Amino acid sequence: MEITVQELRQKLDSGESFVFIDVREPWEYEEFNIGARLIPINTLVNSMYELDEHKDDQIVVHCRSGNRSGMAQGLLIANGFKNVLNLKGGVLAWVEAYGETK
């Protein structure tokens, strides 16, 4: 399942509770981020235990374009996370829609 940047913006603006994960590299996160918790894709498997309490919570994952977060979504679902959404188009779509602000 995917979520659009407009749907994500609505969630963020309304203060809705969900787990928000950025799976990009630290240097990408430092350049620009939209407020998600950074867990790079190459560390996700070893960091997954940190998310165990969120197996039933909604999780939104994102990356630059949606490819790495699509892989992260698959990993999370394969490990028992039930409600994982991938941000369609990633940060590129966010910047296209809103510029570099959140």
PDB file of N, CA and C in Angstrom:
ATOM      1  N   MET A   1       0.841  -1.191   0.000  1.00  0.00           N
ATOM      2  CA  MET A   1       0.000   0.000   0.000  1.00  0.00           C
ATOM      3  C   MET A   1       0.878   1.243   0.000  1.00  0.00           C
ATOM      4  N   GLU A   2       0.371   2.280  -0.601  1.00  0.00           N
ATOM      5  CA  GLU A   2       1.102   3.544  -0.693  1.00  0.00           C
ATOM      6  C   GLU A   2       0.294   4.669  -0.060  1.00  0.00           C
ATOM      7  N   ILE A   3       1.012   5.741   0.243  1.00  0.00           N
ATOM      8  CA  ILE A   3       0.402   6.967   0.725  1.00  0.00           C
ATOM      9  C   ILE A   3       0.967   8.096  -0.137  1.00  0.00           C
ATOM     10  N   THR A   4       0.140   9.046  -0.497  1.00  0.00           N
ATOM     11  CA  THR A   4       0.611  10.175  -1.303  1.00  0.00           C
ATOM     12  C   THR A   4       1.189  11.260  -0.396  1.00  0.00           C
ATOM     13  N   VAL A   5       1.930  12.176  -0.991  1.00  0.00           N
ATOM     14  CA  VAL A   5       2.490  13.276  -0.189  1.00  0.00           C
ATOM     15  C   VAL A   5       1.366  14.132   0.391  1.00  0.00           C
ATOM     16  N   GLN A   6       0.262  14.253  -0.331  1.00  0.00           N
ATOM     17  CA  GLN A   6      -0.863  15.044   0.175  1.00  0.00           C
ATOM     18  C   GLN A   6      -1.483  14.372   1.402  1.00  0.00           C
ATOM     19  N   GLU A   7      -1.648  13.046   1.339  1.00  0.00           N
ATOM     20  CA  GLU A   7      -2.189  12.310   2.484  1.00  0.00           C
ATOM     21  C   GLU A   7      -1.240  12.383   3.676  1.00  0.00           C
ATOM     22  N   LEU A   8       0.060  12.280   3.405  1.00  0.00           N
ATOM     23  CA  LEU A   8       1.050  12.383   4.486  1.00  0.00           C
ATOM     24  C   LEU A   8       1.022  13.774   5.109  1.00  0.00           C
ATOM     25  N   ARG A   9       0.964  14.784   4.284  1.00  0.00           N
ATOM     26  CA  ARG A   9       0.923  16.169   4.795  1.00  0.00           C
ATOM     27  C   ARG A   9      -0.280  16.353   5.717  1.00  0.00           C
ATOM     28  N   GLN A  10      -1.416  15.801   5.322  1.00  0.00           N
ATOM     29  CA  GLN A  10      -2.632  15.882   6.134  1.00  0.00           C
ATOM     30  C   GLN A  10      -2.426  15.199   7.497  1.00  0.00           C
ATOM     31  N   LYS A  11      -1.789  14.023   7.490  1.00  0.00           N
ATOM     32  CA  LYS A  11      -1.498  13.305   8.739  1.00  0.00           C
ATOM     33  C   LYS A  11      -0.589  14.147   9.643  1.00  0.00           C
ATOM     34  N   LEU A  12       0.465  14.698   9.048  1.00  0.00           N
ATOM     35  CA  LEU A  12       1.409  15.498   9.826  1.00  0.00           C
ATOM     36  C   LEU A  12       0.742  16.758  10.377  1.00  0.00           C
ATOM     37  N   ASP A  13      -0.009  17.445   9.526  1.00  0.00           N
ATOM     38  CA  ASP A  13      -0.664  18.695   9.946  1.00  0.00           C
ATOM     39  C   ASP A  13      -1.712  18.465  11.031  1.00  0.00           C
ATOM     40  N   SER A  14      -2.363  17.303  11.002  1.00  0.00           N
ATOM     41  CA  SER A  14      -3.424  17.035  11.975  1.00  0.00           C
ATOM     42  C   SER A  14      -2.880  16.426  13.273  1.00  0.00           C
ATOM     43  N   GLY A  15      -1.570  16.121  13.286  1.00  0.00           N
ATOM     44  CA  GLY A  15      -0.977  15.542  14.480  1.00  0.00           C
ATOM     45  C   GLY A  15      -1.338  14.089  14.698  1.00  0.00           C
ATOM     46  N   GLU A  16      -1.779  13.435  13.636  1.00  0.00           N
ATOM     47  CA  GLU A  16      -2.154  12.022  13.728  1.00  0.00           C
ATOM     48  C   GLU A  16      -0.964  11.184  14.210  1.00  0.00           C
ATOM     49  N   SER A  17      -1.253  10.176  14.998  1.00  0.00           N
ATOM     50  CA  SER A  17      -0.215   9.313  15.555  1.00  0.00           C
ATOM     51  C   SER A  17       0.117   8.185  14.582  1.00  0.00           C
ATOM     52  N   PHE A  18       1.384   8.109  14.197  1.00  0.00           N
ATOM     53  CA  PHE A  18       1.890   7.016  13.365  1.00  0.00           C
ATOM     54  C   PHE A  18       3.404   7.002  13.490  1.00  0.00           C
ATOM     55  N   VAL A  19       4.018   5.907  13.098  1.00  0.00           N
ATOM     56  CA  VAL A  19       5.473   5.783  13.121  1.00  0.00           C
ATOM     57  C   VAL A  19       5.976   6.202  11.736  1.00  0.00           C
ATOM     58  N   PHE A  20       6.929   7.138  11.711  1.00  0.00           N
ATOM     59  CA  PHE A  20       7.392   7.742  10.464  1.00  0.00           C
ATOM     60  C   PHE A  20       8.887   7.466  10.339  1.00  0.00           C
ATOM     61  N   ILE A  21       9.280   6.714   9.299  1.00  0.00           N
ATOM     62  CA  ILE A  21      10.664   6.274   9.146  1.00  0.00           C
ATOM     63  C   ILE A  21      11.228   6.695   7.796  1.00  0.00           C
ATOM     64  N   ASP A  22      12.415   7.284   7.837  1.00  0.00           N
ATOM     65  CA  ASP A  22      13.189   7.667   6.658  1.00  0.00           C
ATOM     66  C   ASP A  22      14.294   6.630   6.495  1.00  0.00           C
ATOM     67  N   VAL A  23      14.333   5.924   5.373  1.00  0.00           N
ATOM     68  CA  VAL A  23      15.329   4.868   5.179  1.00  0.00           C
ATOM     69  C   VAL A  23      16.496   5.301   4.287  1.00  0.00           C
ATOM     70  N   ARG A  24      16.647   6.605   4.087  1.00  0.00           N
ATOM     71  CA  ARG A  24      17.768   7.114   3.287  1.00  0.00           C
ATOM     72  C   ARG A  24      19.058   7.063   4.110  1.00  0.00           C
ATOM     73  N   GLU A  25      20.141   7.495   3.499  1.00  0.00           N
ATOM     74  CA  GLU A  25      21.441   7.562   4.166  1.00  0.00           C
ATOM     75  C   GLU A  25      21.524   8.834   5.027  1.00  0.00           C
ATOM     76  N   PRO A  26      22.374   8.796   6.070  1.00  0.00           N
ATOM     77  CA  PRO A  26      22.492   9.978   6.952  1.00  0.00           C
ATOM     78  C   PRO A  26      22.789  11.281   6.219  1.00  0.00           C
ATOM     79  N   TRP A  27      23.647  11.246   5.182  1.00  0.00           N
ATOM     80  CA  TRP A  27      23.965  12.487   4.469  1.00  0.00           C
ATOM     81  C   TRP A  27      22.742  13.036   3.737  1.00  0.00           C
ATOM     82  N   GLU A  28      21.881  12.159   3.248  1.00  0.00           N
ATOM     83  CA  GLU A  28      20.656  12.609   2.584  1.00  0.00           C
ATOM     84  C   GLU A  28      19.718  13.253   3.602  1.00  0.00           C
ATOM     85  N   TYR A  29      19.623  12.626   4.765  1.00  0.00           N
ATOM     86  CA  TYR A  29      18.769  13.119   5.853  1.00  0.00           C
ATOM     87  C   TYR A  29      19.236  14.497   6.313  1.00  0.00           C
ATOM     88  N   GLU A  30      20.569  14.666   6.414  1.00  0.00           N
ATOM     89  CA  GLU A  30      21.119  15.965   6.835  1.00  0.00           C
ATOM     90  C   GLU A  30      20.830  17.057   5.819  1.00  0.00           C
ATOM     91  N   GLU A  31      20.839  16.716   4.530  1.00  0.00           N
ATOM     92  CA  GLU A  31      20.546  17.699   3.478  1.00  0.00           C
ATOM     93  C   GLU A  31      19.121  18.211   3.568  1.00  0.00           C
ATOM     94  N   PHE A  32      18.176  17.290   3.802  1.00  0.00           N
ATOM     95  CA  PHE A  32      16.762  17.655   3.868  1.00  0.00           C
ATOM     96  C   PHE A  32      15.974  16.491   4.430  1.00  0.00           C
ATOM     97  N   ASN A  33      15.128  16.781   5.407  1.00  0.00           N
ATOM     98  CA  ASN A  33      14.258  15.728   5.920  1.00  0.00           C
ATOM     99  C   ASN A  33      12.897  16.320   6.247  1.00  0.00           C
ATOM    100  N   ILE A  34      11.909  15.453   6.338  1.00  0.00           N
ATOM    101  CA  ILE A  34      10.540  15.919   6.619  1.00  0.00           C
ATOM    102  C   ILE A  34      10.050  15.452   7.985  1.00  0.00           C
ATOM    103  N   GLY A  35      11.017  15.182   8.864  1.00  0.00           N
ATOM    104  CA  GLY A  35      10.666  14.919  10.253  1.00  0.00           C
ATOM    105  C   GLY A  35      10.568  13.473  10.672  1.00  0.00           C
ATOM    106  N   ALA A  36      10.928  12.561   9.795  1.00  0.00           N
ATOM    107  CA  ALA A  36      10.855  11.137  10.127  1.00  0.00           C
ATOM    108  C   ALA A  36      12.077  10.708  10.933  1.00  0.00           C
ATOM    109  N   ARG A  37      11.948   9.568  11.576  1.00  0.00           N
ATOM    110  CA  ARG A  37      13.069   8.955  12.290  1.00  0.00           C
ATOM    111  C   ARG A  37      13.974   8.291  11.265  1.00  0.00           C
ATOM    112  N   LEU A  38      15.270   8.550  11.337  1.00  0.00           N
ATOM    113  CA  LEU A  38      16.220   7.989  10.377  1.00  0.00           C
ATOM    114  C   LEU A  38      16.626   6.574  10.781  1.00  0.00           C
ATOM    115  N   ILE A  39      16.312   5.616   9.919  1.00  0.00           N
ATOM    116  CA  ILE A  39      16.811   4.237  10.042  1.00  0.00           C
ATOM    117  C   ILE A  39      17.207   3.818   8.624  1.00  0.00           C
ATOM    118  N   PRO A  40      18.489   4.037   8.245  1.00  0.00           N
ATOM    119  CA  PRO A  40      18.907   3.707   6.880  1.00  0.00           C
ATOM    120  C   PRO A  40      18.563   2.256   6.520  1.00  0.00           C
ATOM    121  N   ILE A  41      18.200   2.046   5.264  1.00  0.00           N
ATOM    122  CA  ILE A  41      17.770   0.731   4.795  1.00  0.00           C
ATOM    123  C   ILE A  41      18.793  -0.346   5.131  1.00  0.00           C
ATOM    124  N   ASN A  42      20.090  -0.023   5.061  1.00  0.00           N
ATOM    125  CA  ASN A  42      21.112  -1.046   5.324  1.00  0.00           C
ATOM    126  C   ASN A  42      21.236  -1.387   6.809  1.00  0.00           C
ATOM    127  N   THR A  43      20.562  -0.659   7.692  1.00  0.00           N
ATOM    128  CA  THR A  43      20.581  -0.982   9.117  1.00  0.00           C
ATOM    129  C   THR A  43      19.207  -1.449   9.610  1.00  0.00           C
ATOM    130  N   LEU A  44      18.220  -1.445   8.742  1.00  0.00           N
ATOM    131  CA  LEU A  44      16.849  -1.732   9.155  1.00  0.00           C
ATOM    132  C   LEU A  44      16.689  -3.119   9.782  1.00  0.00           C
ATOM    133  N   VAL A  45      17.255  -4.132   9.159  1.00  0.00           N
ATOM    134  CA  VAL A  45      17.101  -5.494   9.680  1.00  0.00           C
ATOM    135  C   VAL A  45      17.645  -5.582  11.100  1.00  0.00           C
ATOM    136  N   ASN A  46      18.817  -4.982  11.342  1.00  0.00           N
ATOM    137  CA  ASN A  46      19.419  -5.040  12.677  1.00  0.00           C
ATOM    138  C   ASN A  46      18.763  -4.082  13.668  1.00  0.00           C
ATOM    139  N   SER A  47      17.970  -3.131  13.183  1.00  0.00           N
ATOM    140  CA  SER A  47      17.297  -2.162  14.058  1.00  0.00           C
ATOM    141  C   SER A  47      15.832  -2.505  14.291  1.00  0.00           C
ATOM    142  N   MET A  48      15.343  -3.533  13.633  1.00  0.00           N
ATOM    143  CA  MET A  48      13.919  -3.829  13.655  1.00  0.00           C
ATOM    144  C   MET A  48      13.379  -4.087  15.061  1.00  0.00           C
ATOM    145  N   TYR A  49      14.235  -4.646  15.929  1.00  0.00           N
ATOM    146  CA  TYR A  49      13.793  -4.917  17.303  1.00  0.00           C
ATOM    147  C   TYR A  49      13.355  -3.632  18.007  1.00  0.00           C
ATOM    148  N   GLU A  50      13.922  -2.489  17.597  1.00  0.00           N
ATOM    149  CA  GLU A  50      13.553  -1.202  18.188  1.00  0.00           C
ATOM    150  C   GLU A  50      12.108  -0.828  17.857  1.00  0.00           C
ATOM    151  N   LEU A  51      11.554  -1.447  16.844  1.00  0.00           N
ATOM    152  CA  LEU A  51      10.203  -1.138  16.386  1.00  0.00           C
ATOM    153  C   LEU A  51       9.176  -2.181  16.818  1.00  0.00           C
ATOM    154  N   ASP A  52       9.611  -3.212  17.550  1.00  0.00           N
ATOM    155  CA  ASP A  52       8.716  -4.319  17.916  1.00  0.00           C
ATOM    156  C   ASP A  52       7.394  -3.864  18.528  1.00  0.00           C
ATOM    157  N   GLU A  53       7.430  -2.833  19.349  1.00  0.00           N
ATOM    158  CA  GLU A  53       6.199  -2.371  20.001  1.00  0.00           C
ATOM    159  C   GLU A  53       5.213  -1.742  19.020  1.00  0.00           C
ATOM    160  N   HIS A  54       5.647  -1.537  17.785  1.00  0.00           N
ATOM    161  CA  HIS A  54       4.801  -0.876  16.772  1.00  0.00           C
ATOM    162  C   HIS A  54       4.264  -1.838  15.710  1.00  0.00           C
ATOM    163  N   LYS A  55       4.302  -3.141  15.970  1.00  0.00           N
ATOM    164  CA  LYS A  55       3.872  -4.124  14.957  1.00  0.00           C
ATOM    165  C   LYS A  55       2.432  -3.910  14.495  1.00  0.00           C
ATOM    166  N   ASP A  56       1.573  -3.382  15.375  1.00  0.00           N
ATOM    167  CA  ASP A  56       0.175  -3.153  15.004  1.00  0.00           C
ATOM    168  C   ASP A  56      -0.121  -1.697  14.660  1.00  0.00           C
ATOM    169  N   ASP A  57       0.864  -0.827  14.821  1.00  0.00           N
ATOM    170  CA  ASP A  57       0.670   0.606  14.544  1.00  0.00           C
ATOM    171  C   ASP A  57       0.865   0.888  13.061  1.00  0.00           C
ATOM    172  N   GLN A  58       0.325   2.012  12.611  1.00  0.00           N
ATOM    173  CA  GLN A  58       0.575   2.420  11.234  1.00  0.00           C
ATOM    174  C   GLN A  58       1.999   2.953  11.136  1.00  0.00           C
ATOM    175  N   ILE A  59       2.706   2.488  10.125  1.00  0.00           N
ATOM    176  CA  ILE A  59       4.077   2.926   9.863  1.00  0.00           C
ATOM    177  C   ILE A  59       4.118   3.487   8.447  1.00  0.00           C
ATOM    178  N   VAL A  60       4.729   4.661   8.298  1.00  0.00           N
ATOM    179  CA  VAL A  60       4.948   5.252   6.977  1.00  0.00           C
ATOM    180  C   VAL A  60       6.460   5.285   6.757  1.00  0.00           C
ATOM    181  N   VAL A  61       6.912   4.677   5.660  1.00  0.00           N
ATOM    182  CA  VAL A  61       8.334   4.687   5.313  1.00  0.00           C
ATOM    183  C   VAL A  61       8.534   5.525   4.060  1.00  0.00           C
ATOM    184  N   HIS A  62       9.696   6.200   4.011  1.00  0.00           N
ATOM    185  CA  HIS A  62       9.995   6.973   2.804  1.00  0.00           C
ATOM    186  C   HIS A  62      11.490   7.006   2.543  1.00  0.00           C
ATOM    187  N   CYS A  63      11.826   7.318   1.303  1.00  0.00           N
ATOM    188  CA  CYS A  63      13.213   7.495   0.879  1.00  0.00           C
ATOM    189  C   CYS A  63      13.225   8.628  -0.146  1.00  0.00           C
ATOM    190  N   ARG A  64      14.183   8.627  -1.023  1.00  0.00           N
ATOM    191  CA  ARG A  64      14.278   9.700  -2.020  1.00  0.00           C
ATOM    192  C   ARG A  64      13.168   9.585  -3.072  1.00  0.00           C
ATOM    193  N   SER A  65      12.961   8.357  -3.595  1.00  0.00           N
ATOM    194  CA  SER A  65      12.025   8.202  -4.714  1.00  0.00           C
ATOM    195  C   SER A  65      10.928   7.165  -4.481  1.00  0.00           C
ATOM    196  N   GLY A  66      11.063   6.367  -3.439  1.00  0.00           N
ATOM    197  CA  GLY A  66      10.086   5.323  -3.166  1.00  0.00           C
ATOM    198  C   GLY A  66      10.608   3.914  -3.357  1.00  0.00           C
ATOM    199  N   ASN A  67      11.804   3.759  -3.949  1.00  0.00           N
ATOM    200  CA  ASN A  67      12.344   2.424  -4.203  1.00  0.00           C
ATOM    201  C   ASN A  67      12.871   1.756  -2.934  1.00  0.00           C
ATOM    202  N   ARG A  68      13.782   2.446  -2.220  1.00  0.00           N
ATOM    203  CA  ARG A  68      14.329   1.858  -0.989  1.00  0.00           C
ATOM    204  C   ARG A  68      13.236   1.672   0.056  1.00  0.00           C
ATOM    205  N   SER A  69      12.325   2.631   0.135  1.00  0.00           N
ATOM    206  CA  SER A  69      11.251   2.490   1.121  1.00  0.00           C
ATOM    207  C   SER A  69      10.301   1.358   0.733  1.00  0.00           C
ATOM    208  N   GLY A  70      10.197   1.061  -0.544  1.00  0.00           N
ATOM    209  CA  GLY A  70       9.421  -0.100  -0.971  1.00  0.00           C
ATOM    210  C   GLY A  70      10.054  -1.390  -0.469  1.00  0.00           C
ATOM    211  N   MET A  71      11.392  -1.451  -0.524  1.00  0.00           N
ATOM    212  CA  MET A  71      12.104  -2.615   0.019  1.00  0.00           C
ATOM    213  C   MET A  71      11.916  -2.679   1.532  1.00  0.00           C
ATOM    214  N   ALA A  72      12.007  -1.528   2.198  1.00  0.00           N
ATOM    215  CA  ALA A  72      11.824  -1.477   3.651  1.00  0.00           C
ATOM    216  C   ALA A  72      10.419  -1.930   4.029  1.00  0.00           C
ATOM    217  N   GLN A  73       9.441  -1.501   3.260  1.00  0.00           N
ATOM    218  CA  GLN A  73       8.062  -1.910   3.496  1.00  0.00           C
ATOM    219  C   GLN A  73       7.952  -3.436   3.440  1.00  0.00           C
ATOM    220  N   GLY A  74       8.547  -4.037   2.422  1.00  0.00           N
ATOM    221  CA  GLY A  74       8.521  -5.489   2.288  1.00  0.00           C
ATOM    222  C   GLY A  74       9.195  -6.196   3.454  1.00  0.00           C
ATOM    223  N   LEU A  75      10.344  -5.669   3.897  1.00  0.00           N
ATOM    224  CA  LEU A  75      11.051  -6.247   5.046  1.00  0.00           C
ATOM    225  C   LEU A  75      10.199  -6.185   6.308  1.00  0.00           C
ATOM    226  N   LEU A  76       9.585  -5.032   6.536  1.00  0.00           N
ATOM    227  CA  LEU A  76       8.764  -4.863   7.735  1.00  0.00           C
ATOM    228  C   LEU A  76       7.561  -5.810   7.714  1.00  0.00           C
ATOM    229  N   ILE A  77       6.879  -5.884   6.591  1.00  0.00           N
ATOM    230  CA  ILE A  77       5.715  -6.763   6.475  1.00  0.00           C
ATOM    231  C   ILE A  77       6.138  -8.225   6.667  1.00  0.00           C
ATOM    232  N   ALA A  78       7.270  -8.605   6.076  1.00  0.00           N
ATOM    233  CA  ALA A  78       7.769  -9.972   6.215  1.00  0.00           C
ATOM    234  C   ALA A  78       8.114 -10.310   7.661  1.00  0.00           C
ATOM    235  N   ASN A  79       8.365  -9.276   8.462  1.00  0.00           N
ATOM    236  CA  ASN A  79       8.722  -9.479   9.863  1.00  0.00           C
ATOM    237  C   ASN A  79       7.570  -9.195  10.818  1.00  0.00           C
ATOM    238  N   GLY A  80       6.351  -9.220  10.296  1.00  0.00           N
ATOM    239  CA  GLY A  80       5.180  -9.178  11.154  1.00  0.00           C
ATOM    240  C   GLY A  80       4.548  -7.823  11.391  1.00  0.00           C
ATOM    241  N   PHE A  81       5.051  -6.782  10.721  1.00  0.00           N
ATOM    242  CA  PHE A  81       4.423  -5.465  10.849  1.00  0.00           C
ATOM    243  C   PHE A  81       3.212  -5.446   9.919  1.00  0.00           C
ATOM    244  N   LYS A  82       2.080  -5.015  10.438  1.00  0.00           N
ATOM    245  CA  LYS A  82       0.817  -5.222   9.733  1.00  0.00           C
ATOM    246  C   LYS A  82       0.327  -4.054   8.878  1.00  0.00           C
ATOM    247  N   ASN A  83       0.722  -2.833   9.201  1.00  0.00           N
ATOM    248  CA  ASN A  83       0.136  -1.664   8.544  1.00  0.00           C
ATOM    249  C   ASN A  83       1.248  -0.720   8.106  1.00  0.00           C
ATOM    250  N   VAL A  84       1.933  -1.066   7.009  1.00  0.00           N
ATOM    251  CA  VAL A  84       3.093  -0.298   6.546  1.00  0.00           C
ATOM    252  C   VAL A  84       2.769   0.347   5.201  1.00  0.00           C
ATOM    253  N   LEU A  85       2.899   1.665   5.148  1.00  0.00           N
ATOM    254  CA  LEU A  85       2.638   2.422   3.923  1.00  0.00           C
ATOM    255  C   LEU A  85       3.936   2.999   3.379  1.00  0.00           C
ATOM    256  N   ASN A  86       4.091   2.966   2.064  1.00  0.00           N
ATOM    257  CA  ASN A  86       5.254   3.539   1.389  1.00  0.00           C
ATOM    258  C   ASN A  86       4.849   4.890   0.794  1.00  0.00           C
ATOM    259  N   LEU A  87       5.669   5.917   1.047  1.00  0.00           N
ATOM    260  CA  LEU A  87       5.385   7.244   0.483  1.00  0.00           C
ATOM    261  C   LEU A  87       5.654   7.231  -1.019  1.00  0.00           C
ATOM    262  N   LYS A  88       4.597   7.368  -1.796  1.00  0.00           N
ATOM    263  CA  LYS A  88       4.682   7.348  -3.262  1.00  0.00           C
ATOM    264  C   LYS A  88       5.526   8.520  -3.755  1.00  0.00           C
ATOM    265  N   GLY A  89       6.616   8.209  -4.445  1.00  0.00           N
ATOM    266  CA  GLY A  89       7.477   9.247  -5.003  1.00  0.00           C
ATOM    267  C   GLY A  89       8.502   9.799  -4.038  1.00  0.00           C
ATOM    268  N   GLY A  90       8.417   9.431  -2.775  1.00  0.00           N
ATOM    269  CA  GLY A  90       9.407   9.832  -1.783  1.00  0.00           C
ATOM    270  C   GLY A  90       9.598  11.331  -1.629  1.00  0.00           C
ATOM    271  N   VAL A  91      10.801  11.676  -1.199  1.00  0.00           N
ATOM    272  CA  VAL A  91      11.142  13.085  -0.969  1.00  0.00           C
ATOM    273  C   VAL A  91      11.046  13.891  -2.257  1.00  0.00           C
ATOM    274  N   LEU A  92      11.349  13.265  -3.383  1.00  0.00           N
ATOM    275  CA  LEU A  92      11.251  13.989  -4.662  1.00  0.00           C
ATOM    276  C   LEU A  92       9.823  14.488  -4.888  1.00  0.00           C
ATOM    277  N   ALA A  93       8.848  13.639  -4.590  1.00  0.00           N
ATOM    278  CA  ALA A  93       7.444  14.045  -4.752  1.00  0.00           C
ATOM    279  C   ALA A  93       7.071  15.118  -3.729  1.00  0.00           C
ATOM    280  N   TRP A  94       7.611  15.005  -2.512  1.00  0.00           N
ATOM    281  CA  TRP A  94       7.336  16.003  -1.459  1.00  0.00           C
ATOM    282  C   TRP A  94       7.859  17.367  -1.899  1.00  0.00           C
ATOM    283  N   VAL A  95       9.112  17.412  -2.366  1.00  0.00           N
ATOM    284  CA  VAL A  95       9.705  18.676  -2.781  1.00  0.00           C
ATOM    285  C   VAL A  95       8.966  19.255  -3.977  1.00  0.00           C
ATOM    286  N   GLU A  96       8.550  18.396  -4.892  1.00  0.00           N
ATOM    287  CA  GLU A  96       7.790  18.858  -6.059  1.00  0.00           C
ATOM    288  C   GLU A  96       6.466  19.500  -5.614  1.00  0.00           C
ATOM    289  N   ALA A  97       5.830  18.917  -4.619  1.00  0.00           N
ATOM    290  CA  ALA A  97       4.527  19.416  -4.164  1.00  0.00           C
ATOM    291  C   ALA A  97       4.650  20.616  -3.217  1.00  0.00           C
ATOM    292  N   TYR A  98       5.648  20.582  -2.342  1.00  0.00           N
ATOM    293  CA  TYR A  98       5.696  21.579  -1.255  1.00  0.00           C
ATOM    294  C   TYR A  98       6.999  22.351  -1.147  1.00  0.00           C
ATOM    295  N   GLY A  99       7.986  22.048  -1.969  1.00  0.00           N
ATOM    296  CA  GLY A  99       9.277  22.676  -1.774  1.00  0.00           C
ATOM    297  C   GLY A  99       9.971  22.021  -0.591  1.00  0.00           C
ATOM    298  N   GLU A 100      11.041  22.598  -0.139  1.00  0.00           N
ATOM    299  CA  GLU A 100      11.805  21.989   0.944  1.00  0.00           C
ATOM    300  C   GLU A 100      11.323  22.467   2.300  1.00  0.00           C
ATOM    301  N   THR A 101      10.038  22.318   2.558  1.00  0.00           N
ATOM    302  CA  THR A 101       9.488  22.658   3.881  1.00  0.00           C
ATOM    303  C   THR A 101       8.479  21.603   4.260  1.00  0.00           C
ATOM    304  N   LYS A 102       8.168  21.562   5.529  1.00  0.00           N
ATOM    305  CA  LYS A 102       7.124  20.612   5.940  1.00  0.00           C
ATOM    306  C   LYS A 102       6.017  21.361   6.638  1.00  0.00           C
TER     307      LYS A 102
END
